Amino acid sequence: MTLVMCESCGMPMAQKSDFGGGKMDNKYCKYCTLPNGVLKPRHEVRENMILFYMKTKKQDRATASAYVDERMASMPAWK
């Protein structure tokens, strides 16, 4: 299977369970979508990404926010 990247956050999606709604034709991952596969609002995705980087990369909120804002600006879903 070809590795696909979420067009909202950039997460690699390799398995069916990684795709929003479990739909392999979805452009967004399970973290950026509602259970039915529909993309969550930008502010919700942004907040979840900030919390993820604070927890996994041990970044303070300001650093994580700046990184997420830069990352999201490059993602097709948010252009």
Protein backbone atom coordinates (compact mmCIF):
# COMPACT_ATOMS: atom_id res chain seq x y z
CA MET A 1 0.00 0.00 0.00
CA THR A 2 1.19 3.50 -0.79
CA LEU A 3 1.75 5.77 2.18
CA VAL A 4 -0.75 8.62 2.13
CA MET A 5 -0.43 11.77 4.22
CA CYS A 6 -3.40 13.48 5.89
CA GLU A 7 -4.12 16.73 4.05
CA SER A 8 -5.08 18.38 7.33
CA CYS A 9 -2.20 17.54 9.69
CA GLY A 10 0.33 15.56 7.65
CA MET A 11 0.02 12.32 9.59
CA PRO A 12 1.04 9.23 7.59
CA MET A 13 -1.93 6.98 6.92
CA ALA A 14 -0.89 3.40 6.19
CA GLN A 15 -3.80 1.31 7.45
CA LYS A 16 -7.54 1.54 6.93
CA SER A 17 -7.94 2.47 10.60
CA ASP A 18 -5.73 5.56 10.10
CA PHE A 19 -8.18 7.11 7.63
CA GLY A 20 -11.09 9.28 8.74
CA GLY A 21 -14.23 7.16 9.09
CA GLY A 22 -12.14 4.11 8.15
CA LYS A 23 -12.56 5.15 4.52
CA MET A 24 -9.36 4.64 2.57
CA ASP A 25 -10.35 7.26 0.02
CA ASN A 26 -10.60 9.93 2.74
CA LYS A 27 -7.96 12.67 2.48
CA TYR A 28 -7.98 13.18 6.26
CA CYS A 29 -6.87 11.02 9.20
CA LYS A 30 -8.90 9.67 12.07
CA TYR A 31 -7.68 12.46 14.36
CA CYS A 32 -8.77 15.29 12.06
CA THR A 33 -12.23 13.91 11.36
CA LEU A 34 -15.48 13.13 13.07
CA PRO A 35 -16.42 9.43 13.36
CA ASN A 36 -18.21 9.62 9.99
CA GLY A 37 -15.03 10.87 8.27
CA VAL A 38 -16.02 14.54 7.89
CA LEU A 39 -13.22 17.03 8.59
CA LYS A 40 -13.43 18.70 12.01
CA PRO A 41 -13.43 22.51 12.26
CA ARG A 42 -10.00 24.13 11.92
CA HIS A 43 -9.92 25.42 15.50
CA GLU A 44 -10.56 21.91 16.85
CA VAL A 45 -7.85 20.30 14.70
CA ARG A 46 -5.44 23.08 15.68
CA GLU A 47 -6.05 22.63 19.40
CA ASN A 48 -5.63 18.86 19.19
CA MET A 49 -2.37 19.28 17.28
CA ILE A 50 -1.06 21.77 19.84
CA LEU A 51 -1.85 19.39 22.69
CA PHE A 52 -0.19 16.54 20.78
CA TYR A 53 3.07 18.49 20.31
CA MET A 54 3.05 19.70 23.90
CA LYS A 55 2.73 16.13 25.14
CA THR A 56 4.92 14.21 22.70
CA LYS A 57 7.63 16.80 22.03
CA LYS A 58 7.52 18.38 25.50
CA GLN A 59 7.01 21.83 23.94
CA ASP A 60 5.49 24.78 25.77
CA ARG A 61 2.19 26.06 24.41
CA ALA A 62 3.70 29.04 22.56
CA THR A 63 6.27 26.89 20.76
CA ALA A 64 3.70 24.22 19.89
CA SER A 65 1.21 26.85 18.68
CA ALA A 66 3.77 28.49 16.42
CA TYR A 67 4.79 25.14 14.94
CA VAL A 68 1.18 24.04 14.40
CA ASP A 69 0.22 27.33 12.75
CA GLU A 70 3.15 27.01 10.35
CA ARG A 71 2.37 23.36 9.62
CA MET A 72 -1.35 23.94 9.07
CA ALA A 73 -0.63 26.84 6.69
CA SER A 74 1.12 24.36 4.40
CA MET A 75 -1.64 21.76 4.46
CA PRO A 76 -4.11 21.58 1.54
CA ALA A 77 -7.12 21.45 3.85
CA TRP A 78 -6.37 24.87 5.31
CA LYS A 79 -5.19 26.87 2.29
